[in-house]
Amino acid sequence: MTYPSQDSYRWYADAAVPDGMEITQVYGWLVDGHGRVMARIDDGHWGLPGGTPELYDSDRVATLVREVDEEVQVRIADPVYLGYQEVLHPNHRSHAQLRMVARITELLPRRPDPDNGRIHGRILASFDAVLDGLNWGPSTEGQAECARRIAEARWGLPVMSPTAGPALD
């Protein structure tokens, strides 16, 4: 297989990670009752809450729960696996970044991330605003669409609502 000169990404909706492919991330599209998505902001850069699976995490849900508590101090419920993003590297094996969607049930008081001592910025904004803020490219649009569908169909959240504007914290 020939790899591009820089990393590239492929989105696989509702697909299992192939045997032997390393999972390096579990990130979540976290949606509140107003249909807004939680984004983490560091030095002006937007990201989804989540992180690296640890040996002591019992599964990918445990990784997501732990990471969103550490990074943005929220409690979540009903996590749903969306699929994975394959990261293709020019000089080494590809790896998987899992994506999930979950409902935000509680915003907790802010505290430093135990990994780095920083208090990350957090914002609640519409799916479109988060896509713009992330600026991660076409692979992310497929992830957002999967998350939006589940939030609307499964939980009845108003993901297309014009009132799903930003709330800073």
C-alpha atoms as a PDB file:
ATOM      1  CA  MET A   1       0.000   0.000   0.000  1.00  0.00           C
ATOM      2  CA  THR A   2       1.267   3.480  -0.845  1.00  0.00           C
ATOM      3  CA  TYR A   3       0.741   6.190   1.773  1.00  0.00           C
ATOM      4  CA  PRO A   4       0.401   9.900   1.050  1.00  0.00           C
ATOM      5  CA  SER A   5       3.203  12.305   1.970  1.00  0.00           C
ATOM      6  CA  GLN A   6       1.300  13.427   5.079  1.00  0.00           C
ATOM      7  CA  ASP A   7      -1.358  11.931   7.359  1.00  0.00           C
ATOM      8  CA  SER A   8      -4.741  11.328   5.773  1.00  0.00           C
ATOM      9  CA  TYR A   9      -7.999  10.224   7.327  1.00  0.00           C
ATOM     10  CA  ARG A  10     -10.812   7.857   6.338  1.00  0.00           C
ATOM     11  CA  TRP A  11     -14.120   7.634   8.172  1.00  0.00           C
ATOM     12  CA  TYR A  12     -15.792   4.232   8.659  1.00  0.00           C
ATOM     13  CA  ALA A  13     -19.342   4.682   9.990  1.00  0.00           C
ATOM     14  CA  ASP A  14     -20.669   1.930  12.255  1.00  0.00           C
ATOM     15  CA  ALA A  15     -17.757  -0.346  11.383  1.00  0.00           C
ATOM     16  CA  ALA A  16     -15.648  -2.503  13.673  1.00  0.00           C
ATOM     17  CA  VAL A  17     -11.953  -1.722  13.892  1.00  0.00           C
ATOM     18  CA  PRO A  18     -10.026  -4.415  11.992  1.00  0.00           C
ATOM     19  CA  ASP A  19      -8.211  -6.989  14.104  1.00  0.00           C
ATOM     20  CA  GLY A  20      -4.678  -5.873  14.839  1.00  0.00           C
ATOM     21  CA  MET A  21      -5.265  -2.157  14.217  1.00  0.00           C
ATOM     22  CA  GLU A  22      -4.199  -0.095  17.234  1.00  0.00           C
ATOM     23  CA  ILE A  23      -6.840   2.168  18.807  1.00  0.00           C
ATOM     24  CA  THR A  24      -5.172   5.403  19.899  1.00  0.00           C
ATOM     25  CA  GLN A  25      -8.162   7.612  20.730  1.00  0.00           C
ATOM     26  CA  VAL A  26     -11.733   7.525  21.968  1.00  0.00           C
ATOM     27  CA  TYR A  27     -13.406  10.899  21.402  1.00  0.00           C
ATOM     28  CA  GLY A  28     -17.019  11.911  21.855  1.00  0.00           C
ATOM     29  CA  TRP A  29     -19.617  14.105  20.260  1.00  0.00           C
ATOM     30  CA  LEU A  30     -21.286  15.126  23.536  1.00  0.00           C
ATOM     31  CA  VAL A  31     -24.747  16.662  23.083  1.00  0.00           C
ATOM     32  CA  ASP A  32     -26.760  18.626  25.643  1.00  0.00           C
ATOM     33  CA  GLY A  33     -30.550  18.876  25.941  1.00  0.00           C
ATOM     34  CA  HIS A  34     -30.603  21.885  23.589  1.00  0.00           C
ATOM     35  CA  GLY A  35     -28.886  19.981  20.766  1.00  0.00           C
ATOM     36  CA  ARG A  36     -25.524  21.670  21.319  1.00  0.00           C
ATOM     37  CA  VAL A  37     -22.187  19.865  21.145  1.00  0.00           C
ATOM     38  CA  MET A  38     -19.414  20.221  23.737  1.00  0.00           C
ATOM     39  CA  ALA A  39     -16.028  21.195  22.336  1.00  0.00           C
ATOM     40  CA  ARG A  40     -12.767  21.547  24.244  1.00  0.00           C
ATOM     41  CA  ILE A  41     -10.697  24.652  23.507  1.00  0.00           C
ATOM     42  CA  ASP A  42      -6.957  24.899  24.106  1.00  0.00           C
ATOM     43  CA  ASP A  43      -4.904  27.877  22.940  1.00  0.00           C
ATOM     44  CA  GLY A  44      -7.660  28.817  20.500  1.00  0.00           C
ATOM     45  CA  HIS A  45      -7.852  25.328  18.962  1.00  0.00           C
ATOM     46  CA  TRP A  46     -11.090  23.351  19.155  1.00  0.00           C
ATOM     47  CA  GLY A  47     -11.179  19.622  19.850  1.00  0.00           C
ATOM     48  CA  LEU A  48     -13.615  16.945  20.854  1.00  0.00           C
ATOM     49  CA  PRO A  49     -13.324  15.702  24.429  1.00  0.00           C
ATOM     50  CA  GLY A  50     -11.656  12.324  24.750  1.00  0.00           C
ATOM     51  CA  GLY A  51      -8.280  10.734  24.725  1.00  0.00           C
ATOM     52  CA  THR A  52      -6.071   7.697  24.936  1.00  0.00           C
ATOM     53  CA  PRO A  53      -7.312   4.331  26.206  1.00  0.00           C
ATOM     54  CA  GLU A  54      -5.483   3.264  29.362  1.00  0.00           C
ATOM     55  CA  LEU A  55      -4.768  -0.319  30.424  1.00  0.00           C
ATOM     56  CA  TYR A  56      -7.069   0.079  33.419  1.00  0.00           C
ATOM     57  CA  ASP A  57     -10.054   1.204  31.285  1.00  0.00           C
ATOM     58  CA  SER A  58     -12.443  -1.718  31.054  1.00  0.00           C
ATOM     59  CA  ASP A  59     -13.626  -0.763  27.549  1.00  0.00           C
ATOM     60  CA  ARG A  60     -14.001   2.156  25.127  1.00  0.00           C
ATOM     61  CA  VAL A  61     -16.985   3.559  27.053  1.00  0.00           C
ATOM     62  CA  ALA A  62     -14.879   3.668  30.233  1.00  0.00           C
ATOM     63  CA  THR A  63     -12.192   5.559  28.319  1.00  0.00           C
ATOM     64  CA  LEU A  64     -14.705   8.140  27.094  1.00  0.00           C
ATOM     65  CA  VAL A  65     -16.323   8.577  30.527  1.00  0.00           C
ATOM     66  CA  ARG A  66     -12.928   9.034  32.200  1.00  0.00           C
ATOM     67  CA  GLU A  67     -11.535  11.390  29.578  1.00  0.00           C
ATOM     68  CA  VAL A  68     -14.552  13.725  29.400  1.00  0.00           C
ATOM     69  CA  ASP A  69     -14.587  13.949  33.193  1.00  0.00           C
ATOM     70  CA  GLU A  70     -10.863  14.786  33.238  1.00  0.00           C
ATOM     71  CA  GLU A  71     -10.920  17.259  30.330  1.00  0.00           C
ATOM     72  CA  VAL A  72     -14.264  19.088  30.392  1.00  0.00           C
ATOM     73  CA  GLN A  73     -15.873  17.917  33.648  1.00  0.00           C
ATOM     74  CA  VAL A  74     -19.174  16.610  32.325  1.00  0.00           C
ATOM     75  CA  ARG A  75     -21.185  13.521  33.084  1.00  0.00           C
ATOM     76  CA  ILE A  76     -22.587  11.600  30.149  1.00  0.00           C
ATOM     77  CA  ALA A  77     -25.196   8.916  29.508  1.00  0.00           C
ATOM     78  CA  ASP A  78     -26.225   6.566  26.711  1.00  0.00           C
ATOM     79  CA  PRO A  79     -22.920   6.472  24.793  1.00  0.00           C
ATOM     80  CA  VAL A  80     -23.270   5.070  21.280  1.00  0.00           C
ATOM     81  CA  TYR A  81     -20.393   3.891  19.087  1.00  0.00           C
ATOM     82  CA  LEU A  82     -20.360   5.775  15.767  1.00  0.00           C
ATOM     83  CA  GLY A  83     -17.402   4.178  14.006  1.00  0.00           C
ATOM     84  CA  TYR A  84     -13.729   4.911  13.602  1.00  0.00           C
ATOM     85  CA  GLN A  85     -11.428   7.185  11.718  1.00  0.00           C
ATOM     86  CA  GLU A  86      -8.398   5.506  10.192  1.00  0.00           C
ATOM     87  CA  VAL A  87      -5.273   7.635  10.316  1.00  0.00           C
ATOM     88  CA  LEU A  88      -2.903   6.779   7.488  1.00  0.00           C
ATOM     89  CA  HIS A  89       0.740   7.717   8.067  1.00  0.00           C
ATOM     90  CA  PRO A  90       3.350   7.952   5.327  1.00  0.00           C
ATOM     91  CA  ASN A  91       6.034   6.091   7.276  1.00  0.00           C
ATOM     92  CA  HIS A  92       4.283   3.664   9.620  1.00  0.00           C
ATOM     93  CA  ARG A  93       1.163   1.617  10.233  1.00  0.00           C
ATOM     94  CA  SER A  94      -2.249   3.224  10.293  1.00  0.00           C
ATOM     95  CA  HIS A  95      -4.241   3.396  13.509  1.00  0.00           C
ATOM     96  CA  ALA A  96      -7.856   3.928  14.585  1.00  0.00           C
ATOM     97  CA  GLN A  97      -9.497   6.824  16.397  1.00  0.00           C
ATOM     98  CA  LEU A  98     -12.893   5.789  17.781  1.00  0.00           C
ATOM     99  CA  ARG A  99     -15.810   8.200  17.773  1.00  0.00           C
ATOM    100  CA  MET A 100     -18.872   8.006  20.001  1.00  0.00           C
ATOM    101  CA  VAL A 101     -21.892  10.170  20.752  1.00  0.00           C
ATOM    102  CA  ALA A 102     -23.390  10.607  24.212  1.00  0.00           C
ATOM    103  CA  ARG A 103     -25.873  12.805  26.047  1.00  0.00           C
ATOM    104  CA  ILE A 104     -24.568  15.344  28.532  1.00  0.00           C
ATOM    105  CA  THR A 105     -26.383  14.894  31.832  1.00  0.00           C
ATOM    106  CA  GLU A 106     -24.450  17.275  34.072  1.00  0.00           C
ATOM    107  CA  LEU A 107     -21.883  20.055  33.857  1.00  0.00           C
ATOM    108  CA  LEU A 108     -19.544  19.746  36.830  1.00  0.00           C
ATOM    109  CA  PRO A 109     -17.378  22.433  38.458  1.00  0.00           C
ATOM    110  CA  ARG A 110     -14.163  23.141  36.568  1.00  0.00           C
ATOM    111  CA  ARG A 111     -10.916  21.553  37.760  1.00  0.00           C
ATOM    112  CA  PRO A 112      -7.456  20.897  36.300  1.00  0.00           C
ATOM    113  CA  ASP A 113      -6.923  17.945  33.968  1.00  0.00           C
ATOM    114  CA  PRO A 114      -4.882  15.396  35.965  1.00  0.00           C
ATOM    115  CA  ASP A 115      -2.746  14.656  32.886  1.00  0.00           C
ATOM    116  CA  ASN A 116      -1.373  18.170  32.462  1.00  0.00           C
ATOM    117  CA  GLY A 117      -2.778  20.422  35.200  1.00  0.00           C
ATOM    118  CA  ARG A 118      -4.574  22.669  32.690  1.00  0.00           C
ATOM    119  CA  ILE A 119      -8.169  23.781  32.862  1.00  0.00           C
ATOM    120  CA  HIS A 120      -9.400  23.353  29.298  1.00  0.00           C
ATOM    121  CA  GLY A 121     -11.836  25.792  27.777  1.00  0.00           C
ATOM    122  CA  ARG A 122     -15.212  24.355  26.911  1.00  0.00           C
ATOM    123  CA  ILE A 123     -17.991  25.555  24.677  1.00  0.00           C
ATOM    124  CA  LEU A 124     -21.471  24.314  23.804  1.00  0.00           C
ATOM    125  CA  ALA A 125     -22.350  25.140  20.200  1.00  0.00           C
ATOM    126  CA  SER A 126     -24.353  23.844  17.239  1.00  0.00           C
ATOM    127  CA  PHE A 127     -23.024  20.920  15.232  1.00  0.00           C
ATOM    128  CA  ASP A 128     -22.200  23.299  12.367  1.00  0.00           C
ATOM    129  CA  ALA A 129     -20.314  25.705  14.644  1.00  0.00           C
ATOM    130  CA  VAL A 130     -18.304  22.830  16.138  1.00  0.00           C
ATOM    131  CA  LEU A 131     -17.462  21.513  12.654  1.00  0.00           C
ATOM    132  CA  ASP A 132     -16.237  24.984  11.714  1.00  0.00           C
ATOM    133  CA  GLY A 133     -14.259  25.299  14.946  1.00  0.00           C
ATOM    134  CA  LEU A 134     -12.640  21.882  14.579  1.00  0.00           C
ATOM    135  CA  ASN A 135     -11.690  22.440  10.940  1.00  0.00           C
ATOM    136  CA  TRP A 136     -10.605  18.785  10.720  1.00  0.00           C
ATOM    137  CA  GLY A 137     -11.723  18.184   7.133  1.00  0.00           C
ATOM    138  CA  PRO A 138     -14.180  15.917   5.305  1.00  0.00           C
ATOM    139  CA  SER A 139     -13.755  12.881   7.565  1.00  0.00           C
ATOM    140  CA  THR A 140     -15.226  14.889  10.433  1.00  0.00           C
ATOM    141  CA  GLU A 141     -18.375  15.774   8.498  1.00  0.00           C
ATOM    142  CA  GLY A 142     -19.333  12.091   8.337  1.00  0.00           C
ATOM    143  CA  GLN A 143     -18.770  11.715  12.070  1.00  0.00           C
ATOM    144  CA  ALA A 144     -20.918  14.762  12.830  1.00  0.00           C
ATOM    145  CA  GLU A 145     -23.715  13.518  10.588  1.00  0.00           C
ATOM    146  CA  CYS A 146     -23.782  10.138  12.358  1.00  0.00           C
ATOM    147  CA  ALA A 147     -23.825  11.846  15.773  1.00  0.00           C
ATOM    148  CA  ARG A 148     -26.533  14.293  14.688  1.00  0.00           C
ATOM    149  CA  ARG A 149     -28.776  11.480  13.422  1.00  0.00           C
ATOM    150  CA  ILE A 150     -28.501   9.537  16.680  1.00  0.00           C
ATOM    151  CA  ALA A 151     -29.040  12.612  18.877  1.00  0.00           C
ATOM    152  CA  GLU A 152     -32.173  13.504  16.953  1.00  0.00           C
ATOM    153  CA  ALA A 153     -33.683  10.051  16.347  1.00  0.00           C
ATOM    154  CA  ARG A 154     -32.746   8.266  19.573  1.00  0.00           C
ATOM    155  CA  TRP A 155     -32.921  11.106  22.106  1.00  0.00           C
ATOM    156  CA  GLY A 156     -35.244  13.565  20.344  1.00  0.00           C
ATOM    157  CA  LEU A 157     -32.753  16.420  20.673  1.00  0.00           C
ATOM    158  CA  PRO A 158     -33.261  19.570  18.549  1.00  0.00           C
ATOM    159  CA  VAL A 159     -29.932  19.363  16.692  1.00  0.00           C
ATOM    160  CA  MET A 160     -31.019  21.665  13.884  1.00  0.00           C
ATOM    161  CA  SER A 161     -32.565  24.264  16.195  1.00  0.00           C
ATOM    162  CA  PRO A 162     -31.560  27.896  15.645  1.00  0.00           C
ATOM    163  CA  THR A 163     -31.486  28.177  19.446  1.00  0.00           C
ATOM    164  CA  ALA A 164     -28.574  25.730  19.512  1.00  0.00           C
ATOM    165  CA  GLY A 165     -26.253  28.713  19.742  1.00  0.00           C
ATOM    166  CA  PRO A 166     -23.022  28.890  21.688  1.00  0.00           C
ATOM    167  CA  ALA A 167     -22.741  28.945  25.446  1.00  0.00           C
ATOM    168  CA  LEU A 168     -19.268  29.685  26.763  1.00  0.00           C
ATOM    169  CA  ASP A 169     -17.925  28.336  30.020  1.00  0.00           C
END
